[in-house]
Amino acid sequence: MQPILSMIYNHFKTKCLKKGKYTKNKIIELDHIVINLNSLTTGKVWKILMQTTNEVFFEVMGNIGLITLNRQHVLNALSHSMLCQLEQQLVLWETMPAVQAVVVRAAPGRAFSAGGDIRSVYENRLQQNVDFRQYFLDEYRLNKHIFHYTKPYIALLNGITMGGGAGISIHGSYRVATENIVFAMPETGIGFFPDVGASYFLTRLPYHFGFYLGLTGARLAYNDCYALGLVNTVIAPNAQEQLINMLAQTALENTHTIDQIIKQFSIPVPPSTLWMHQNEIDVCFSKNTIEEIINALEINANDWCKKVAEVLKTKSPLSLKVTLDELKKRRKTGV
């Protein structure tokens, strides 16, 4: 049985045994879904997975712990439950010698993760539910754990990767993107600021690209992400399963082994289009205030700069000032 079929088989078997609906010929019935596990094909598996209520799946597959985000109907927005489950599973796998590395990916769809479930946080706040504070505490604790994780943590970034989605990927030891990645930190557009440790990785990007990304919320394609170092490698979207299988079947005794496996799947990356504006970004986004940044953009002869100035004017003024202050402090202190 293929590994992914084994995952769904064990998931449904566990649930159905509790309900008495599992039979020896591997035909199961759960939540109005009738499945003959003997006739499953990989193409049908994801459709079944997405009909379940599970927001995230965990599986030990050979030498790796495999995480699958399964909330594509909301672009894998991270619910509080998902954050807690991720943290608990990472703690468990860290103690298991059989798990030599962790891989996180998303079920097929448009997103790896579009970020935190801000809607539920907002609704909790309206209801004066103190739990909304706990959401951020648990999210930031998870981000920190991933950054300090004692085993290789490999994020497969296929599709939209924004906000909280960056928090559970960029801090890992390997960021493997596909040509479908769309990366952004869009918080200033919703009256927030780039959190999840973003001030750490944004201020470590070359020149003032991190300031540009954090303030404008600009969306990056795979070639821009690679050029800036946000991702280590780019692979074809259809190579993800092969990469996972090879990692699972190989003794991952050191990082060199993982490097060589991932390298086998890497594809050529064209030059970054954003890098063409490196000089303008460095000159304009090195200013001390938002007003000075906008003015520098407006007086620049480059039409691209004028468009960026207009974008900044659509963002929350307070969010822009808070974000700039945070980035300047982190760049100065280096922590």
Protein backbone atom coordinates (compact mmCIF):
# COMPACT_ATOMS: atom_id res chain seq x y z
CA MET A 1 0.00 0.00 0.00
CA GLN A 2 1.37 3.44 -0.90
CA PRO A 3 2.41 5.58 2.10
CA ILE A 4 -0.36 8.13 1.59
CA LEU A 5 -2.91 5.33 1.24
CA SER A 6 -1.54 3.81 4.41
CA MET A 7 -2.10 7.14 6.18
CA ILE A 8 -5.73 7.40 5.22
CA TYR A 9 -6.26 3.69 5.85
CA ASN A 10 -4.97 3.93 9.42
CA HIS A 11 -6.83 7.20 10.03
CA PHE A 12 -10.19 5.79 9.01
CA LYS A 13 -9.58 2.39 10.57
CA THR A 14 -8.93 3.97 13.97
CA LYS A 15 -12.11 6.02 13.82
CA CYS A 16 -14.27 3.28 12.38
CA LEU A 17 -13.20 0.67 14.90
CA LYS A 18 -14.63 2.96 17.56
CA LYS A 19 -17.93 3.11 15.67
CA GLY A 20 -18.01 -0.55 14.66
CA LYS A 21 -18.07 0.21 10.94
CA TYR A 22 -14.76 -1.35 9.93
CA THR A 23 -14.75 -4.74 8.15
CA LYS A 24 -11.94 -7.13 7.32
CA ASN A 25 -12.31 -6.57 3.59
CA LYS A 26 -11.24 -2.95 4.21
CA ILE A 27 -14.58 -1.37 3.35
CA ILE A 28 -15.34 1.39 5.82
CA GLU A 29 -18.13 3.87 6.38
CA LEU A 30 -17.68 7.12 8.25
CA ASP A 31 -19.58 10.41 8.19
CA HIS A 32 -21.56 9.27 5.13
CA ILE A 33 -18.34 8.40 3.22
CA VAL A 34 -18.12 4.81 2.02
CA ILE A 35 -14.63 3.74 0.95
CA ASN A 36 -13.20 0.52 -0.42
CA LEU A 37 -9.58 0.84 0.65
CA ASN A 38 -8.49 -1.93 -1.73
CA SER A 39 -9.53 0.16 -4.73
CA LEU A 40 -8.10 3.51 -3.67
CA THR A 41 -5.82 5.39 -6.03
CA THR A 42 -3.60 8.31 -5.04
CA GLY A 43 -5.78 10.68 -7.05
CA LYS A 44 -8.81 9.79 -4.94
CA VAL A 45 -7.07 9.96 -1.60
CA TRP A 46 -6.85 13.75 -1.31
CA LYS A 47 -10.52 14.15 -2.15
CA ILE A 48 -11.33 11.80 0.73
CA LEU A 49 -8.93 13.52 3.12
CA MET A 50 -10.52 16.88 2.45
CA GLN A 51 -13.97 15.49 3.30
CA THR A 52 -12.85 14.74 6.84
CA THR A 53 -12.90 17.21 9.68
CA ASN A 54 -9.18 16.79 10.40
CA GLU A 55 -7.35 20.08 9.88
CA VAL A 56 -3.90 18.50 10.00
CA PHE A 57 -2.58 14.97 9.57
CA PHE A 58 0.52 13.40 11.13
CA GLU A 59 2.26 10.26 9.95
CA VAL A 60 5.56 8.52 10.63
CA MET A 61 6.69 7.51 7.16
CA GLY A 62 9.94 5.62 7.12
CA ASN A 63 12.57 7.91 8.66
CA ILE A 64 10.48 11.09 8.64
CA GLY A 65 7.58 12.59 10.48
CA LEU A 66 5.17 13.91 7.84
CA ILE A 67 2.77 16.79 8.53
CA THR A 68 -0.03 17.54 6.07
CA LEU A 69 -2.05 20.73 6.45
CA ASN A 70 -5.62 19.94 5.44
CA ARG A 71 -7.70 23.11 5.56
CA GLN A 72 -7.62 24.18 1.92
CA HIS A 73 -11.18 25.54 1.96
CA VAL A 74 -9.72 28.49 3.92
CA LEU A 75 -6.26 28.34 2.29
CA ASN A 76 -4.91 26.43 5.30
CA ALA A 77 -5.44 29.35 7.66
CA LEU A 78 -3.97 28.13 10.94
CA SER A 79 -6.61 27.55 13.58
CA HIS A 80 -5.75 27.48 17.27
CA SER A 81 -6.29 23.73 17.27
CA MET A 82 -3.80 23.28 14.41
CA LEU A 83 -1.14 25.30 16.24
CA CYS A 84 -1.56 23.23 19.39
CA GLN A 85 -1.51 19.94 17.49
CA LEU A 86 1.63 20.96 15.60
CA GLU A 87 3.42 21.89 18.80
CA GLN A 88 2.45 18.65 20.57
CA GLN A 89 3.49 16.50 17.61
CA LEU A 90 6.85 18.24 17.21
CA VAL A 91 7.57 17.69 20.90
CA LEU A 92 6.73 13.99 20.54
CA TRP A 93 8.79 13.45 17.38
CA GLU A 94 11.75 15.20 18.93
CA THR A 95 11.96 12.36 21.45
CA MET A 96 11.59 9.55 18.89
CA PRO A 97 14.91 8.25 17.49
CA ALA A 98 13.06 6.68 14.54
CA VAL A 99 12.00 10.13 13.33
CA GLN A 100 15.18 11.59 11.82
CA ALA A 101 13.57 14.62 10.17
CA VAL A 102 10.21 16.37 9.89
CA VAL A 103 8.53 17.36 6.61
CA VAL A 104 5.56 19.75 6.49
CA ARG A 105 3.43 20.14 3.37
CA ALA A 106 -0.11 21.02 2.39
CA ALA A 107 -2.82 18.91 0.82
CA PRO A 108 -3.24 19.82 -2.87
CA GLY A 109 -4.78 23.22 -3.41
CA ARG A 110 -3.92 26.88 -3.79
CA ALA A 111 -2.00 27.35 -0.55
CA PHE A 112 0.67 26.06 1.77
CA SER A 113 -0.82 28.40 4.36
CA ALA A 114 -2.23 31.88 3.93
CA GLY A 115 -1.51 32.68 7.58
CA GLY A 116 -3.23 32.65 10.93
CA ASP A 117 -6.99 32.31 11.29
CA ILE A 118 -7.46 36.02 11.97
CA ARG A 119 -11.20 35.81 11.49
CA SER A 120 -11.65 33.50 14.48
CA VAL A 121 -9.27 35.64 16.54
CA TYR A 122 -11.30 38.74 15.67
CA GLU A 123 -14.58 37.01 16.55
CA ASN A 124 -13.16 35.87 19.89
CA ARG A 125 -12.08 39.42 20.61
CA LEU A 126 -15.59 40.75 19.87
CA GLN A 127 -17.00 38.20 22.28
CA GLN A 128 -14.44 39.30 24.89
CA ASN A 129 -13.03 35.79 24.89
CA VAL A 130 -9.58 35.86 26.51
CA ASP A 131 -8.67 32.85 24.37
CA PHE A 132 -7.67 35.17 21.52
CA ARG A 133 -4.55 36.10 23.49
CA GLN A 134 -3.70 32.44 23.95
CA TYR A 135 -3.82 31.99 20.18
CA PHE A 136 -0.87 34.33 19.65
CA LEU A 137 1.03 32.94 22.62
CA ASP A 138 0.76 29.41 21.24
CA GLU A 139 1.57 30.55 17.69
CA TYR A 140 4.75 32.35 18.75
CA ARG A 141 5.78 29.43 20.96
CA LEU A 142 5.46 27.14 17.93
CA ASN A 143 7.51 29.52 15.76
CA LYS A 144 10.28 29.53 18.37
CA HIS A 145 10.20 25.75 18.67
CA ILE A 146 10.60 25.36 14.90
CA PHE A 147 13.53 27.78 14.88
CA HIS A 148 15.30 25.79 17.61
CA TYR A 149 14.13 22.34 16.48
CA THR A 150 16.83 19.75 17.09
CA LYS A 151 16.03 17.74 13.96
CA PRO A 152 15.96 18.82 10.31
CA TYR A 153 12.65 20.57 9.57
CA ILE A 154 11.78 20.63 5.87
CA ALA A 155 8.94 22.83 4.60
CA LEU A 156 7.52 22.16 1.13
CA LEU A 157 6.04 25.46 -0.01
CA ASN A 158 3.57 25.01 -2.85
CA GLY A 159 1.21 27.95 -3.36
CA ILE A 160 0.27 30.86 -1.11
CA THR A 161 2.68 31.23 1.83
CA MET A 162 1.89 34.29 3.90
CA GLY A 163 1.95 35.54 7.49
CA GLY A 164 1.57 32.63 9.86
CA GLY A 165 2.37 30.27 6.98
CA ALA A 166 5.81 31.85 6.87
CA GLY A 167 6.05 31.39 10.62
CA ILE A 168 5.79 27.59 10.34
CA SER A 169 8.18 27.36 7.40
CA ILE A 170 10.80 30.10 7.13
CA HIS A 171 12.19 29.36 10.60
CA GLY A 172 12.88 25.75 9.63
CA SER A 173 16.21 24.39 8.43
CA TYR A 174 15.02 23.75 4.86
CA ARG A 175 12.57 25.78 2.76
CA VAL A 176 11.83 23.98 -0.50
CA ALA A 177 9.51 25.92 -2.79
CA THR A 178 7.77 25.05 -6.02
CA GLU A 179 7.18 27.39 -8.94
CA ASN A 180 3.70 27.99 -7.49
CA ILE A 181 4.81 29.77 -4.31
CA VAL A 182 3.38 33.22 -3.66
CA PHE A 183 5.12 34.70 -0.63
CA ALA A 184 4.10 37.81 1.29
CA MET A 185 3.87 39.42 4.70
CA PRO A 186 0.63 41.40 4.17
CA GLU A 187 -0.09 42.50 7.72
CA THR A 188 0.14 46.28 7.24
CA GLY A 189 -2.85 46.01 4.94
CA ILE A 190 -5.08 44.72 7.76
CA GLY A 191 -3.96 47.03 10.55
CA PHE A 192 -1.46 44.57 12.01
CA PHE A 193 2.32 44.14 11.76
CA PRO A 194 4.57 41.32 10.48
CA ASP A 195 4.75 39.03 13.51
CA VAL A 196 5.66 35.29 13.78
CA GLY A 197 9.33 36.24 14.02
CA ALA A 198 9.23 38.14 10.74
CA SER A 199 11.33 41.01 12.06
CA TYR A 200 14.11 38.44 12.51
CA PHE A 201 14.15 37.03 8.98
CA LEU A 202 13.16 40.23 7.18
CA THR A 203 16.06 42.20 8.63
CA ARG A 204 18.45 39.47 7.53
CA LEU A 205 17.53 39.81 3.86
CA PRO A 206 20.09 41.68 1.74
CA TYR A 207 20.05 45.48 1.55
CA HIS A 208 16.61 46.84 2.55
CA PHE A 209 14.49 44.21 0.81
CA GLY A 210 13.06 43.13 4.17
CA PHE A 211 11.85 46.65 4.90
CA TYR A 212 10.23 46.79 1.46
CA LEU A 213 8.46 43.45 1.98
CA GLY A 214 7.35 44.17 5.53
CA LEU A 215 5.93 47.59 4.76
CA THR A 216 4.34 47.05 1.35
CA GLY A 217 3.15 43.45 1.74
CA ALA A 218 4.44 42.83 -1.78
CA ARG A 219 3.92 39.36 -3.22
CA LEU A 220 6.98 37.46 -4.39
CA ALA A 221 7.28 34.74 -7.02
CA TYR A 222 9.58 31.75 -6.65
CA ASN A 223 12.54 33.39 -8.39
CA ASP A 224 12.39 36.40 -6.05
CA CYS A 225 12.13 34.16 -2.98
CA TYR A 226 15.15 32.18 -4.11
CA ALA A 227 17.24 35.26 -4.91
CA LEU A 228 16.56 36.78 -1.48
CA GLY A 229 17.27 33.53 0.37
CA LEU A 230 13.75 33.07 1.69
CA VAL A 231 13.83 29.58 0.15
CA ASN A 232 16.84 27.31 -0.28
CA THR A 233 15.71 25.30 -3.29
CA VAL A 234 13.02 25.27 -5.98
CA ILE A 235 11.54 22.02 -7.27
CA ALA A 236 8.76 21.13 -9.69
CA PRO A 237 5.30 20.84 -8.06
CA ASN A 238 4.95 17.21 -9.18
CA ALA A 239 8.28 16.28 -7.56
CA GLN A 240 7.05 16.71 -3.98
CA GLU A 241 5.88 13.12 -3.53
CA GLN A 242 9.12 11.74 -4.97
CA LEU A 243 11.16 13.92 -2.64
CA ILE A 244 9.12 12.84 0.38
CA ASN A 245 9.49 9.18 -0.55
CA MET A 246 13.26 9.45 -0.98
CA LEU A 247 13.65 11.24 2.34
CA ALA A 248 11.52 8.58 4.03
CA GLN A 249 13.50 5.71 2.54
CA THR A 250 16.99 7.10 3.22
CA ALA A 251 18.95 7.04 6.46
CA LEU A 252 19.18 10.74 7.25
CA GLU A 253 22.29 10.56 9.38
CA ASN A 254 23.46 14.09 8.65
CA THR A 255 22.43 17.29 6.89
CA HIS A 256 24.75 16.53 3.96
CA THR A 257 22.56 13.55 3.07
CA ILE A 258 19.44 15.72 3.11
CA ASP A 259 21.20 18.41 1.07
CA GLN A 260 22.11 15.88 -1.61
CA ILE A 261 18.60 14.40 -1.77
CA ILE A 262 16.94 17.79 -2.17
CA LYS A 263 19.55 18.85 -4.70
CA GLN A 264 18.54 15.98 -6.99
CA PHE A 265 15.12 17.58 -7.42
CA SER A 266 16.19 21.21 -7.81
CA ILE A 267 15.33 23.02 -11.03
CA PRO A 268 16.91 26.09 -12.66
CA VAL A 269 15.64 29.42 -11.35
CA PRO A 270 15.47 32.51 -13.60
CA PRO A 271 16.82 35.86 -12.39
CA SER A 272 14.74 37.81 -9.89
CA THR A 273 12.68 40.65 -11.34
CA LEU A 274 12.55 42.35 -7.93
CA TRP A 275 16.34 42.44 -7.73
CA MET A 276 16.28 44.86 -10.68
CA HIS A 277 15.00 47.47 -8.21
CA GLN A 278 17.65 46.79 -5.55
CA ASN A 279 19.15 50.29 -5.78
CA GLU A 280 15.78 52.09 -5.53
CA ILE A 281 14.70 49.91 -2.61
CA ASP A 282 17.94 50.45 -0.74
CA VAL A 283 17.88 54.22 -1.20
CA CYS A 284 14.19 54.76 -0.39
CA PHE A 285 13.60 52.18 2.34
CA SER A 286 16.69 53.15 4.32
CA LYS A 287 14.98 56.40 5.41
CA ASN A 288 14.11 56.95 9.06
CA THR A 289 10.36 57.62 8.82
CA ILE A 290 7.42 56.48 6.72
CA GLU A 291 6.95 60.03 5.47
CA GLU A 292 10.57 60.15 4.30
CA ILE A 293 10.24 56.76 2.59
CA ILE A 294 7.13 57.84 0.68
CA ASN A 295 8.72 61.15 -0.29
CA ALA A 296 11.87 59.41 -1.54
CA LEU A 297 9.74 57.10 -3.66
CA GLU A 298 7.66 59.94 -5.07
CA ILE A 299 10.61 62.08 -6.14
CA ASN A 300 12.41 59.16 -7.74
CA ALA A 301 12.31 59.26 -11.53
CA ASN A 302 11.48 55.58 -11.74
CA ASP A 303 7.76 54.92 -12.33
CA TRP A 304 8.05 51.73 -10.28
CA CYS A 305 8.91 53.82 -7.21
CA LYS A 306 5.86 56.01 -7.69
CA LYS A 307 3.64 52.93 -7.82
CA VAL A 308 5.19 51.62 -4.59
CA ALA A 309 4.49 55.00 -2.93
CA GLU A 310 0.82 54.68 -3.88
CA VAL A 311 0.74 51.17 -2.43
CA LEU A 312 2.10 52.40 0.89
CA LYS A 313 -0.63 55.04 1.05
CA THR A 314 -3.25 52.26 1.04
CA LYS A 315 -1.80 50.63 4.17
CA SER A 316 -2.64 51.35 7.78
CA PRO A 317 -0.57 54.41 8.82
CA LEU A 318 -0.17 53.13 12.37
CA SER A 319 0.81 49.64 11.16
CA LEU A 320 3.45 51.16 8.88
CA LYS A 321 5.01 53.14 11.73
CA VAL A 322 4.96 50.19 14.13
CA THR A 323 6.48 47.90 11.49
CA LEU A 324 9.23 50.33 10.53
CA ASP A 325 10.14 50.89 14.17
CA GLU A 326 10.29 47.15 14.82
CA LEU A 327 12.44 46.44 11.76
CA LYS A 328 14.86 49.27 12.59
CA LYS A 329 15.28 47.99 16.16
CA ARG A 330 15.90 44.40 15.01
CA ARG A 331 18.35 45.47 12.35
CA LYS A 332 20.28 47.51 14.92
CA THR A 333 20.36 44.89 17.68
CA GLY A 334 20.70 41.85 15.40
CA VAL A 335 18.34 39.76 17.54
